[in-house]
Amino acid sequence: MKTLANDITEFINICLNEFHYDQYQLSIINEFKQKYNSNKVLWWFTQDSFIYHLLSKALNIKNYNLLIHMGFLIRDIYENLQKYQLKSSIQVYHG
């Protein structure tokens, strides 16, 4: 499923409002706006940035509206984890 530009724009507007006081996060949000690619979602998620903090907050306080706006990220995370899971294999020896 393809991410729509409107989804990203709405999410970025929420982030700008949420982190309006934090220049560091605002610079990361701006970089995200320019460079986001669904193939790099795991990199974005694992950085100490607004994405991880916002998703964690939304899950902890059950902010379903925010989770809906983050849906494209959640979907991209899921699809990337599936892709990497299929590429990895473990050999197990018994005996």
Protein backbone atom coordinates (compact mmCIF):
# COMPACT_ATOMS: atom_id res chain seq x y z
CA MET A 1 0.00 0.00 0.00
CA LYS A 2 1.38 3.37 -0.97
CA THR A 3 1.71 6.26 1.46
CA LEU A 4 -0.25 9.32 0.39
CA ALA A 5 1.39 12.74 0.53
CA ASN A 6 -1.67 14.03 2.38
CA ASP A 7 -1.12 11.46 5.17
CA ILE A 8 2.43 12.68 5.68
CA THR A 9 1.40 16.35 5.53
CA GLU A 10 -1.28 15.88 8.19
CA PHE A 11 1.13 13.95 10.41
CA ILE A 12 3.83 16.60 10.02
CA ASN A 13 1.36 19.34 10.98
CA ILE A 14 0.49 17.42 14.14
CA CYS A 15 4.19 17.00 14.93
CA LEU A 16 4.92 20.69 14.36
CA ASN A 17 2.14 21.56 16.78
CA GLU A 18 3.24 18.98 19.37
CA PHE A 19 6.93 19.93 19.31
CA HIS A 20 6.67 23.68 18.56
CA TYR A 21 8.89 24.45 21.58
CA ASP A 22 11.72 22.00 20.72
CA GLN A 23 14.11 23.28 18.05
CA TYR A 24 15.98 19.97 17.88
CA GLN A 25 12.82 17.97 17.15
CA LEU A 26 11.60 20.64 14.72
CA SER A 27 14.80 20.21 12.70
CA ILE A 28 14.27 16.44 12.63
CA ILE A 29 10.63 16.93 11.59
CA ASN A 30 11.79 19.15 8.74
CA GLU A 31 14.33 16.53 7.67
CA PHE A 32 11.62 13.85 7.88
CA LYS A 33 9.35 16.00 5.69
CA GLN A 34 12.04 16.24 3.02
CA LYS A 35 13.51 12.74 3.14
CA TYR A 36 10.90 10.24 4.37
CA ASN A 37 10.83 7.02 2.43
CA SER A 38 8.82 3.98 3.54
CA ASN A 39 11.91 1.79 3.06
CA LYS A 40 13.72 3.82 5.74
CA VAL A 41 10.91 3.75 8.32
CA LEU A 42 12.81 1.46 10.70
CA TRP A 43 15.76 3.85 10.67
CA TRP A 44 13.46 6.78 11.45
CA PHE A 45 11.69 4.81 14.19
CA THR A 46 14.89 3.74 15.94
CA GLN A 47 16.32 7.26 16.11
CA ASP A 48 15.86 9.28 19.29
CA SER A 49 13.26 11.45 17.62
CA PHE A 50 9.70 12.64 17.60
CA ILE A 51 8.40 9.51 15.84
CA TYR A 52 9.33 7.07 18.59
CA HIS A 53 8.18 9.44 21.34
CA LEU A 54 4.89 10.29 19.65
CA LEU A 55 4.01 6.67 18.87
CA SER A 56 4.88 5.59 22.40
CA LYS A 57 2.78 8.42 23.85
CA ALA A 58 -0.18 7.63 21.58
CA LEU A 59 -0.11 3.97 22.59
CA ASN A 60 0.29 4.71 26.31
CA ILE A 61 -2.59 7.17 26.55
CA LYS A 62 -4.70 5.39 23.91
CA ASN A 63 -4.87 8.43 21.63
CA TYR A 64 -6.63 6.73 18.75
CA ASN A 65 -6.88 9.90 16.68
CA LEU A 66 -3.09 10.26 16.72
CA LEU A 67 -2.67 6.55 15.96
CA ILE A 68 -4.90 6.97 12.91
CA HIS A 69 -2.70 9.84 11.70
CA MET A 70 0.35 7.64 12.28
CA GLY A 71 -1.26 4.77 10.39
CA PHE A 72 1.04 5.11 7.39
CA LEU A 73 4.07 4.81 9.70
CA ILE A 74 2.65 1.81 11.55
CA ARG A 75 1.86 0.12 8.23
CA ASP A 76 5.35 0.89 6.87
CA ILE A 77 6.95 -0.49 10.06
CA TYR A 78 4.86 -3.65 9.78
CA GLU A 79 5.68 -4.16 6.10
CA ASN A 80 9.40 -3.59 6.66
CA LEU A 81 9.50 -6.01 9.60
CA GLN A 82 7.76 -8.61 7.45
CA LYS A 83 10.23 -8.06 4.63
CA TYR A 84 13.26 -8.42 6.89
CA GLN A 85 11.79 -11.40 8.71
CA LEU A 86 11.46 -13.29 5.44
CA LYS A 87 15.09 -12.57 4.53
CA SER A 88 16.48 -13.81 7.83
CA SER A 89 16.78 -17.46 8.68
CA ILE A 90 18.14 -19.29 11.69
CA GLN A 91 19.70 -22.72 11.64
CA VAL A 92 18.91 -24.78 14.71
CA TYR A 93 20.66 -28.02 15.50
CA HIS A 94 19.15 -30.66 17.69
CA GLY A 95 21.00 -33.39 19.37
